Amino acid sequence: MQGRIWEPYEADGAVVWGIATRETRDRVQAYTEALGVSFPVLLDETGEVDRMYDLLFAFPTGAYPQDFVIGTDGRIVYASNEPDVEAIEEAVVSELAE
């Protein structure tokens, strides 16, 4: 599965969480099980995380999934709604180098 690009960086402190926004626990569990997701997925049923990061309309299409890399200081250092493994990895490496 493509979603394991962070694993080589775990020993360096990289942590991966998924955040399911405005979805039910049952729906998220079915989705993650079907995809074989291997990282924890947090529930944001009320959309609080979206509001914290001002993500209500992060991308004009509103398309999901959306990928974000949050830096060690809590700021967004990468955001996209089109998977770009190379760019995600570059953001992780850059953040871990700081």
PDB file of N, CA and C in Angstrom:
ATOM      1  N   MET A   1       0.830  -1.193   0.000  1.00  0.00           N
ATOM      2  CA  MET A   1       0.000   0.000   0.000  1.00  0.00           C
ATOM      3  C   MET A   1       0.873   1.253   0.000  1.00  0.00           C
ATOM      4  N   GLN A   2       0.514   2.214  -0.795  1.00  0.00           N
ATOM      5  CA  GLN A   2       1.295   3.431  -0.972  1.00  0.00           C
ATOM      6  C   GLN A   2       1.371   4.263   0.300  1.00  0.00           C
ATOM      7  N   GLY A   3       0.411   4.189   1.200  1.00  0.00           N
ATOM      8  CA  GLY A   3       0.322   5.073   2.342  1.00  0.00           C
ATOM      9  C   GLY A   3       1.337   4.835   3.438  1.00  0.00           C
ATOM     10  N   ARG A   4       2.399   4.082   3.215  1.00  0.00           N
ATOM     11  CA  ARG A   4       3.371   3.770   4.253  1.00  0.00           C
ATOM     12  C   ARG A   4       4.690   4.534   4.098  1.00  0.00           C
ATOM     13  N   ILE A   5       4.678   5.652   3.441  1.00  0.00           N
ATOM     14  CA  ILE A   5       5.921   6.385   3.179  1.00  0.00           C
ATOM     15  C   ILE A   5       6.562   6.932   4.443  1.00  0.00           C
ATOM     16  N   TRP A   6       5.815   7.069   5.515  1.00  0.00           N
ATOM     17  CA  TRP A   6       6.370   7.618   6.754  1.00  0.00           C
ATOM     18  C   TRP A   6       7.168   6.607   7.551  1.00  0.00           C
ATOM     19  N   GLU A   7       6.951   5.327   7.339  1.00  0.00           N
ATOM     20  CA  GLU A   7       7.556   4.302   8.192  1.00  0.00           C
ATOM     21  C   GLU A   7       9.077   4.404   8.315  1.00  0.00           C
ATOM     22  N   PRO A   8       9.821   4.723   7.252  1.00  0.00           N
ATOM     23  CA  PRO A   8      11.275   4.865   7.433  1.00  0.00           C
ATOM     24  C   PRO A   8      11.665   6.003   8.371  1.00  0.00           C
ATOM     25  N   TYR A   9      10.734   6.913   8.637  1.00  0.00           N
ATOM     26  CA  TYR A   9      11.038   8.091   9.449  1.00  0.00           C
ATOM     27  C   TYR A   9      10.505   7.988  10.880  1.00  0.00           C
ATOM     28  N   GLU A  10       9.862   6.889  11.210  1.00  0.00           N
ATOM     29  CA  GLU A  10       9.315   6.726  12.560  1.00  0.00           C
ATOM     30  C   GLU A  10      10.397   6.828  13.626  1.00  0.00           C
ATOM     31  N   ALA A  11      11.543   6.217  13.391  1.00  0.00           N
ATOM     32  CA  ALA A  11      12.629   6.258  14.374  1.00  0.00           C
ATOM     33  C   ALA A  11      13.153   7.672  14.581  1.00  0.00           C
ATOM     34  N   ASP A  12      12.935   8.546  13.588  1.00  0.00           N
ATOM     35  CA  ASP A  12      13.371   9.940  13.691  1.00  0.00           C
ATOM     36  C   ASP A  12      12.307  10.834  14.327  1.00  0.00           C
ATOM     37  N   GLY A  13      11.164  10.248  14.647  1.00  0.00           N
ATOM     38  CA  GLY A  13      10.113  11.004  15.323  1.00  0.00           C
ATOM     39  C   GLY A  13       8.898  11.328  14.482  1.00  0.00           C
ATOM     40  N   ALA A  14       8.836  10.867  13.240  1.00  0.00           N
ATOM     41  CA  ALA A  14       7.656  11.127  12.421  1.00  0.00           C
ATOM     42  C   ALA A  14       6.473  10.336  12.985  1.00  0.00           C
ATOM     43  N   VAL A  15       5.347  10.997  13.068  1.00  0.00           N
ATOM     44  CA  VAL A  15       4.120  10.389  13.565  1.00  0.00           C
ATOM     45  C   VAL A  15       3.036  10.638  12.527  1.00  0.00           C
ATOM     46  N   VAL A  16       2.241   9.628  12.249  1.00  0.00           N
ATOM     47  CA  VAL A  16       1.164   9.778  11.281  1.00  0.00           C
ATOM     48  C   VAL A  16      -0.164   9.475  11.946  1.00  0.00           C
ATOM     49  N   TRP A  17      -1.102  10.380  11.744  1.00  0.00           N
ATOM     50  CA  TRP A  17      -2.485  10.184  12.149  1.00  0.00           C
ATOM     51  C   TRP A  17      -3.353  10.581  10.980  1.00  0.00           C
ATOM     52  N   GLY A  18      -4.416   9.877  10.831  1.00  0.00           N
ATOM     53  CA  GLY A  18      -5.455  10.326   9.924  1.00  0.00           C
ATOM     54  C   GLY A  18      -6.484  11.058  10.762  1.00  0.00           C
ATOM     55  N   ILE A  19      -7.182  11.980  10.161  1.00  0.00           N
ATOM     56  CA  ILE A  19      -8.272  12.661  10.861  1.00  0.00           C
ATOM     57  C   ILE A  19      -9.495  12.592   9.962  1.00  0.00           C
ATOM     58  N   ALA A  20     -10.512  11.946  10.473  1.00  0.00           N
ATOM     59  CA  ALA A  20     -11.771  11.839   9.744  1.00  0.00           C
ATOM     60  C   ALA A  20     -12.689  12.949  10.250  1.00  0.00           C
ATOM     61  N   THR A  21     -13.072  13.825   9.362  1.00  0.00           N
ATOM     62  CA  THR A  21     -13.845  14.998   9.742  1.00  0.00           C
ATOM     63  C   THR A  21     -15.307  14.837   9.349  1.00  0.00           C
ATOM     64  N   ARG A  22     -16.151  15.107  10.318  1.00  0.00           N
ATOM     65  CA  ARG A  22     -17.602  15.079  10.114  1.00  0.00           C
ATOM     66  C   ARG A  22     -18.083  13.745   9.548  1.00  0.00           C
ATOM     67  N   GLU A  23     -17.544  12.663  10.079  1.00  0.00           N
ATOM     68  CA  GLU A  23     -17.958  11.312   9.711  1.00  0.00           C
ATOM     69  C   GLU A  23     -18.256  10.533  10.978  1.00  0.00           C
ATOM     70  N   THR A  24     -19.005   9.459  10.848  1.00  0.00           N
ATOM     71  CA  THR A  24     -19.319   8.625  12.007  1.00  0.00           C
ATOM     72  C   THR A  24     -18.227   7.594  12.219  1.00  0.00           C
ATOM     73  N   ARG A  25     -18.117   7.128  13.441  1.00  0.00           N
ATOM     74  CA  ARG A  25     -17.128   6.105  13.789  1.00  0.00           C
ATOM     75  C   ARG A  25     -17.300   4.856  12.904  1.00  0.00           C
ATOM     76  N   ASP A  26     -18.525   4.402  12.717  1.00  0.00           N
ATOM     77  CA  ASP A  26     -18.767   3.189  11.917  1.00  0.00           C
ATOM     78  C   ASP A  26     -18.318   3.368  10.472  1.00  0.00           C
ATOM     79  N   ARG A  27     -18.621   4.514   9.897  1.00  0.00           N
ATOM     80  CA  ARG A  27     -18.240   4.763   8.507  1.00  0.00           C
ATOM     81  C   ARG A  27     -16.720   4.827   8.361  1.00  0.00           C
ATOM     82  N   VAL A  28     -16.054   5.495   9.304  1.00  0.00           N
ATOM     83  CA  VAL A  28     -14.599   5.607   9.261  1.00  0.00           C
ATOM     84  C   VAL A  28     -13.961   4.240   9.450  1.00  0.00           C
ATOM     85  N   GLN A  29     -14.471   3.456  10.373  1.00  0.00           N
ATOM     86  CA  GLN A  29     -13.916   2.121  10.609  1.00  0.00           C
ATOM     87  C   GLN A  29     -14.051   1.242   9.368  1.00  0.00           C
ATOM     88  N   ALA A  30     -15.199   1.278   8.724  1.00  0.00           N
ATOM     89  CA  ALA A  30     -15.392   0.485   7.510  1.00  0.00           C
ATOM     90  C   ALA A  30     -14.432   0.926   6.405  1.00  0.00           C
ATOM     91  N   TYR A  31     -14.262   2.224   6.248  1.00  0.00           N
ATOM     92  CA  TYR A  31     -13.389   2.780   5.217  1.00  0.00           C
ATOM     93  C   TYR A  31     -11.934   2.391   5.471  1.00  0.00           C
ATOM     94  N   THR A  32     -11.463   2.578   6.705  1.00  0.00           N
ATOM     95  CA  THR A  32     -10.061   2.284   6.996  1.00  0.00           C
ATOM     96  C   THR A  32      -9.771   0.786   6.927  1.00  0.00           C
ATOM     97  N   GLU A  33     -10.715  -0.030   7.341  1.00  0.00           N
ATOM     98  CA  GLU A  33     -10.525  -1.477   7.229  1.00  0.00           C
ATOM     99  C   GLU A  33     -10.466  -1.905   5.768  1.00  0.00           C
ATOM    100  N   ALA A  34     -11.312  -1.327   4.932  1.00  0.00           N
ATOM    101  CA  ALA A  34     -11.329  -1.673   3.507  1.00  0.00           C
ATOM    102  C   ALA A  34     -10.011  -1.288   2.835  1.00  0.00           C
ATOM    103  N   LEU A  35      -9.408  -0.184   3.276  1.00  0.00           N
ATOM    104  CA  LEU A  35      -8.156   0.275   2.679  1.00  0.00           C
ATOM    105  C   LEU A  35      -6.921  -0.316   3.342  1.00  0.00           C
ATOM    106  N   GLY A  36      -7.086  -0.958   4.500  1.00  0.00           N
ATOM    107  CA  GLY A  36      -5.937  -1.504   5.208  1.00  0.00           C
ATOM    108  C   GLY A  36      -5.064  -0.423   5.834  1.00  0.00           C
ATOM    109  N   VAL A  37      -5.676   0.662   6.282  1.00  0.00           N
ATOM    110  CA  VAL A  37      -4.936   1.770   6.895  1.00  0.00           C
ATOM    111  C   VAL A  37      -4.212   1.251   8.131  1.00  0.00           C
ATOM    112  N   SER A  38      -2.919   1.589   8.235  1.00  0.00           N
ATOM    113  CA  SER A  38      -2.093   1.057   9.331  1.00  0.00           C
ATOM    114  C   SER A  38      -1.725   2.106  10.370  1.00  0.00           C
ATOM    115  N   PHE A  39      -2.308   3.284  10.293  1.00  0.00           N
ATOM    116  CA  PHE A  39      -2.038   4.331  11.274  1.00  0.00           C
ATOM    117  C   PHE A  39      -3.344   4.703  11.967  1.00  0.00           C
ATOM    118  N   PRO A  40      -3.244   5.301  13.153  1.00  0.00           N
ATOM    119  CA  PRO A  40      -4.468   5.669  13.862  1.00  0.00           C
ATOM    120  C   PRO A  40      -5.240   6.755  13.119  1.00  0.00           C
ATOM    121  N   VAL A  41      -6.550   6.650  13.174  1.00  0.00           N
ATOM    122  CA  VAL A  41      -7.412   7.658  12.575  1.00  0.00           C
ATOM    123  C   VAL A  41      -8.253   8.267  13.692  1.00  0.00           C
ATOM    124  N   LEU A  42      -8.081   9.567  13.869  1.00  0.00           N
ATOM    125  CA  LEU A  42      -8.803  10.294  14.906  1.00  0.00           C
ATOM    126  C   LEU A  42     -10.133  10.776  14.343  1.00  0.00           C
ATOM    127  N   LEU A  43     -11.150  10.783  15.173  1.00  0.00           N
ATOM    128  CA  LEU A  43     -12.455  11.274  14.747  1.00  0.00           C
ATOM    129  C   LEU A  43     -12.624  12.739  15.116  1.00  0.00           C
ATOM    130  N   ASP A  44     -13.018  13.519  14.148  1.00  0.00           N
ATOM    131  CA  ASP A  44     -13.327  14.933  14.338  1.00  0.00           C
ATOM    132  C   ASP A  44     -14.769  15.125  13.877  1.00  0.00           C
ATOM    133  N   GLU A  45     -15.683  14.529  14.623  1.00  0.00           N
ATOM    134  CA  GLU A  45     -17.081  14.498  14.199  1.00  0.00           C
ATOM    135  C   GLU A  45     -17.716  15.874  14.076  1.00  0.00           C
ATOM    136  N   THR A  46     -17.221  16.848  14.822  1.00  0.00           N
ATOM    137  CA  THR A  46     -17.820  18.187  14.797  1.00  0.00           C
ATOM    138  C   THR A  46     -17.098  19.153  13.858  1.00  0.00           C
ATOM    139  N   GLY A  47     -15.942  18.756  13.307  1.00  0.00           N
ATOM    140  CA  GLY A  47     -15.190  19.633  12.410  1.00  0.00           C
ATOM    141  C   GLY A  47     -14.290  20.620  13.136  1.00  0.00           C
ATOM    142  N   GLU A  48     -14.010  20.381  14.410  1.00  0.00           N
ATOM    143  CA  GLU A  48     -13.177  21.293  15.199  1.00  0.00           C
ATOM    144  C   GLU A  48     -11.770  21.439  14.609  1.00  0.00           C
ATOM    145  N   VAL A  49     -11.174  20.338  14.147  1.00  0.00           N
ATOM    146  CA  VAL A  49      -9.822  20.414  13.574  1.00  0.00           C
ATOM    147  C   VAL A  49      -9.847  21.253  12.299  1.00  0.00           C
ATOM    148  N   ASP A  50     -10.861  21.076  11.480  1.00  0.00           N
ATOM    149  CA  ASP A  50     -11.002  21.919  10.286  1.00  0.00           C
ATOM    150  C   ASP A  50     -10.986  23.387  10.668  1.00  0.00           C
ATOM    151  N   ARG A  51     -11.738  23.739  11.698  1.00  0.00           N
ATOM    152  CA  ARG A  51     -11.801  25.138  12.126  1.00  0.00           C
ATOM    153  C   ARG A  51     -10.460  25.608  12.690  1.00  0.00           C
ATOM    154  N   MET A  52      -9.769  24.753  13.450  1.00  0.00           N
ATOM    155  CA  MET A  52      -8.478  25.140  14.033  1.00  0.00           C
ATOM    156  C   MET A  52      -7.463  25.498  12.953  1.00  0.00           C
ATOM    157  N   TYR A  53      -7.462  24.721  11.882  1.00  0.00           N
ATOM    158  CA  TYR A  53      -6.511  24.951  10.797  1.00  0.00           C
ATOM    159  C   TYR A  53      -7.137  25.714   9.636  1.00  0.00           C
ATOM    160  N   ASP A  54      -8.344  26.213   9.823  1.00  0.00           N
ATOM    161  CA  ASP A  54      -9.051  26.963   8.793  1.00  0.00           C
ATOM    162  C   ASP A  54      -9.145  26.154   7.505  1.00  0.00           C
ATOM    163  N   LEU A  55      -9.577  24.897   7.642  1.00  0.00           N
ATOM    164  CA  LEU A  55      -9.610  23.985   6.498  1.00  0.00           C
ATOM    165  C   LEU A  55     -11.004  23.764   5.923  1.00  0.00           C
ATOM    166  N   LEU A  56     -11.969  24.533   6.350  1.00  0.00           N
ATOM    167  CA  LEU A  56     -13.323  24.287   5.877  1.00  0.00           C
ATOM    168  C   LEU A  56     -13.395  24.292   4.352  1.00  0.00           C
ATOM    169  N   PHE A  57     -12.622  25.132   3.723  1.00  0.00           N
ATOM    170  CA  PHE A  57     -12.578  25.169   2.269  1.00  0.00           C
ATOM    171  C   PHE A  57     -11.121  25.191   1.821  1.00  0.00           C
ATOM    172  N   ALA A  58     -10.350  24.234   2.319  1.00  0.00           N
ATOM    173  CA  ALA A  58      -8.917  24.200   2.037  1.00  0.00           C
ATOM    174  C   ALA A  58      -8.620  24.094   0.543  1.00  0.00           C
ATOM    175  N   PHE A  59      -9.457  23.359  -0.165  1.00  0.00           N
ATOM    176  CA  PHE A  59      -9.256  23.184  -1.602  1.00  0.00           C
ATOM    177  C   PHE A  59     -10.559  23.534  -2.301  1.00  0.00           C
ATOM    178  N   PRO A  60     -10.492  24.223  -3.415  1.00  0.00           N
ATOM    179  CA  PRO A  60     -11.711  24.678  -4.094  1.00  0.00           C
ATOM    180  C   PRO A  60     -12.696  23.555  -4.403  1.00  0.00           C
ATOM    181  N   THR A  61     -12.191  22.377  -4.704  1.00  0.00           N
ATOM    182  CA  THR A  61     -13.087  21.283  -5.058  1.00  0.00           C
ATOM    183  C   THR A  61     -13.699  20.635  -3.828  1.00  0.00           C
ATOM    184  N   GLY A  62     -13.087  20.828  -2.670  1.00  0.00           N
ATOM    185  CA  GLY A  62     -13.554  20.153  -1.461  1.00  0.00           C
ATOM    186  C   GLY A  62     -13.308  18.663  -1.512  1.00  0.00           C
ATOM    187  N   ALA A  63     -12.514  18.217  -2.488  1.00  0.00           N
ATOM    188  CA  ALA A  63     -12.287  16.781  -2.700  1.00  0.00           C
ATOM    189  C   ALA A  63     -11.523  16.163  -1.531  1.00  0.00           C
ATOM    190  N   TYR A  64     -11.876  14.957  -1.231  1.00  0.00           N
ATOM    191  CA  TYR A  64     -11.186  14.176  -0.195  1.00  0.00           C
ATOM    192  C   TYR A  64     -10.650  12.916  -0.837  1.00  0.00           C
ATOM    193  N   PRO A  65      -9.603  12.306  -0.342  1.00  0.00           N
ATOM    194  CA  PRO A  65      -8.912  12.735   0.872  1.00  0.00           C
ATOM    195  C   PRO A  65      -8.021  13.929   0.603  1.00  0.00           C
ATOM    196  N   GLN A  66      -7.671  14.612   1.664  1.00  0.00           N
ATOM    197  CA  GLN A  66      -6.729  15.719   1.587  1.00  0.00           C
ATOM    198  C   GLN A  66      -5.523  15.333   2.424  1.00  0.00           C
ATOM    199  N   ASP A  67      -4.347  15.617   1.928  1.00  0.00           N
ATOM    200  CA  ASP A  67      -3.107  15.270   2.618  1.00  0.00           C
ATOM    201  C   ASP A  67      -2.469  16.525   3.187  1.00  0.00           C
ATOM    202  N   PHE A  68      -2.061  16.437   4.449  1.00  0.00           N
ATOM    203  CA  PHE A  68      -1.376  17.533   5.114  1.00  0.00           C
ATOM    204  C   PHE A  68      -0.184  16.977   5.861  1.00  0.00           C
ATOM    205  N   VAL A  69       0.885  17.743   5.896  1.00  0.00           N
ATOM    206  CA  VAL A  69       2.003  17.460   6.794  1.00  0.00           C
ATOM    207  C   VAL A  69       2.047  18.638   7.746  1.00  0.00           C
ATOM    208  N   ILE A  70       1.941  18.319   9.030  1.00  0.00           N
ATOM    209  CA  ILE A  70       1.982  19.342  10.069  1.00  0.00           C
ATOM    210  C   ILE A  70       3.382  19.326  10.661  1.00  0.00           C
ATOM    211  N   GLY A  71       4.025  20.475  10.708  1.00  0.00           N
ATOM    212  CA  GLY A  71       5.384  20.575  11.224  1.00  0.00           C
ATOM    213  C   GLY A  71       5.448  20.450  12.724  1.00  0.00           C
ATOM    214  N   THR A  72       6.648  20.386  13.228  1.00  0.00           N
ATOM    215  CA  THR A  72       6.867  20.223  14.660  1.00  0.00           C
ATOM    216  C   THR A  72       6.332  21.407  15.459  1.00  0.00           C
ATOM    217  N   ASP A  73       6.142  22.548  14.799  1.00  0.00           N
ATOM    218  CA  ASP A  73       5.609  23.723  15.484  1.00  0.00           C
ATOM    219  C   ASP A  73       4.100  23.874  15.307  1.00  0.00           C
ATOM    220  N   GLY A  74       3.460  22.873  14.680  1.00  0.00           N
ATOM    221  CA  GLY A  74       2.016  22.882  14.520  1.00  0.00           C
ATOM    222  C   GLY A  74       1.496  23.558  13.270  1.00  0.00           C
ATOM    223  N   ARG A  75       2.384  24.085  12.442  1.00  0.00           N
ATOM    224  CA  ARG A  75       1.923  24.746  11.216  1.00  0.00           C
ATOM    225  C   ARG A  75       1.878  23.739  10.061  1.00  0.00           C
ATOM    226  N   ILE A  76       1.050  24.022   9.087  1.00  0.00           N
ATOM    227  CA  ILE A  76       0.944  23.176   7.904  1.00  0.00           C
ATOM    228  C   ILE A  76       2.146  23.451   7.008  1.00  0.00           C
ATOM    229  N   VAL A  77       2.913  22.406   6.689  1.00  0.00           N
ATOM    230  CA  VAL A  77       4.076  22.569   5.809  1.00  0.00           C
ATOM    231  C   VAL A  77       3.849  21.930   4.440  1.00  0.00           C
ATOM    232  N   TYR A  78       2.754  21.200   4.296  1.00  0.00           N
ATOM    233  CA  TYR A  78       2.399  20.602   3.007  1.00  0.00           C
ATOM    234  C   TYR A  78       0.892  20.380   3.012  1.00  0.00           C
ATOM    235  N   ALA A  79       0.245  20.666   1.901  1.00  0.00           N
ATOM    236  CA  ALA A  79      -1.184  20.408   1.757  1.00  0.00           C
ATOM    237  C   ALA A  79      -1.501  20.130   0.300  1.00  0.00           C
ATOM    238  N   SER A  80      -2.316  19.116   0.069  1.00  0.00           N
ATOM    239  CA  SER A  80      -2.738  18.787  -1.289  1.00  0.00           C
ATOM    240  C   SER A  80      -3.941  17.849  -1.231  1.00  0.00           C
ATOM    241  N   ASN A  81      -4.762  17.892  -2.253  1.00  0.00           N
ATOM    242  CA  ASN A  81      -5.816  16.901  -2.367  1.00  0.00           C
ATOM    243  C   ASN A  81      -5.579  15.980  -3.567  1.00  0.00           C
ATOM    244  N   GLU A  82      -4.357  16.010  -4.058  1.00  0.00           N
ATOM    245  CA  GLU A  82      -3.913  15.056  -5.070  1.00  0.00           C
ATOM    246  C   GLU A  82      -2.669  14.372  -4.525  1.00  0.00           C
ATOM    247  N   PRO A  83      -2.698  13.065  -4.369  1.00  0.00           N
ATOM    248  CA  PRO A  83      -1.552  12.374  -3.768  1.00  0.00           C
ATOM    249  C   PRO A  83      -0.252  12.651  -4.518  1.00  0.00           C
ATOM    250  N   ASP A  84       0.753  13.088  -3.782  1.00  0.00           N
ATOM    251  CA  ASP A  84       2.072  13.338  -4.337  1.00  0.00           C
ATOM    252  C   ASP A  84       3.084  12.810  -3.323  1.00  0.00           C
ATOM    253  N   VAL A  85       3.387  11.532  -3.430  1.00  0.00           N
ATOM    254  CA  VAL A  85       4.234  10.858  -2.452  1.00  0.00           C
ATOM    255  C   VAL A  85       5.586  11.541  -2.329  1.00  0.00           C
ATOM    256  N   GLU A  86       6.173  11.938  -3.444  1.00  0.00           N
ATOM    257  CA  GLU A  86       7.490  12.578  -3.411  1.00  0.00           C
ATOM    258  C   GLU A  86       7.448  13.898  -2.629  1.00  0.00           C
ATOM    259  N   ALA A  87       6.437  14.703  -2.865  1.00  0.00           N
ATOM    260  CA  ALA A  87       6.318  15.991  -2.162  1.00  0.00           C
ATOM    261  C   ALA A  87       6.057  15.784  -0.675  1.00  0.00           C
ATOM    262  N   ILE A  88       5.238  14.796  -0.331  1.00  0.00           N
ATOM    263  CA  ILE A  88       4.984  14.503   1.079  1.00  0.00           C
ATOM    264  C   ILE A  88       6.275  14.083   1.759  1.00  0.00           C
ATOM    265  N   GLU A  89       7.011  13.194   1.110  1.00  0.00           N
ATOM    266  CA  GLU A  89       8.264  12.718   1.684  1.00  0.00           C
ATOM    267  C   GLU A  89       9.262  13.866   1.847  1.00  0.00           C
ATOM    268  N   GLU A  90       9.338  14.758   0.875  1.00  0.00           N
ATOM    269  CA  GLU A  90      10.229  15.918   0.973  1.00  0.00           C
ATOM    270  C   GLU A  90       9.860  16.790   2.171  1.00  0.00           C
ATOM    271  N   ALA A  91       8.564  16.983   2.388  1.00  0.00           N
ATOM    272  CA  ALA A  91       8.115  17.793   3.525  1.00  0.00           C
ATOM    273  C   ALA A  91       8.474  17.133   4.839  1.00  0.00           C
ATOM    274  N   VAL A  92       8.313  15.820   4.927  1.00  0.00           N
ATOM    275  CA  VAL A  92       8.657  15.089   6.154  1.00  0.00           C
ATOM    276  C   VAL A  92      10.147  15.175   6.417  1.00  0.00           C
ATOM    277  N   VAL A  93      10.954  14.920   5.404  1.00  0.00           N
ATOM    278  CA  VAL A  93      12.419  14.966   5.560  1.00  0.00           C
ATOM    279  C   VAL A  93      12.863  16.357   5.972  1.00  0.00           C
ATOM    280  N   SER A  94      12.322  17.379   5.336  1.00  0.00           N
ATOM    281  CA  SER A  94      12.684  18.752   5.662  1.00  0.00           C
ATOM    282  C   SER A  94      12.328  19.080   7.105  1.00  0.00           C
ATOM    283  N   GLU A  95      11.175  18.672   7.551  1.00  0.00           N
ATOM    284  CA  GLU A  95      10.720  18.967   8.908  1.00  0.00           C
ATOM    285  C   GLU A  95      11.573  18.233   9.938  1.00  0.00           C
ATOM    286  N   LEU A  96      11.947  17.001   9.649  1.00  0.00           N
ATOM    287  CA  LEU A  96      12.761  16.230  10.583  1.00  0.00           C
ATOM    288  C   LEU A  96      14.189  16.757  10.654  1.00  0.00           C
ATOM    289  N   ALA A  97      14.644  17.451   9.603  1.00  0.00           N
ATOM    290  CA  ALA A  97      16.004  17.997   9.577  1.00  0.00           C
ATOM    291  C   ALA A  97      16.133  19.247  10.445  1.00  0.00           C
ATOM    292  N   GLU A  98      15.002  19.875  10.761  1.00  0.00           N
ATOM    293  CA  GLU A  98      15.051  21.123  11.545  1.00  0.00           C
ATOM    294  C   GLU A  98      15.315  20.863  13.001  1.00  0.00           C
TER     295      GLU A  98
END
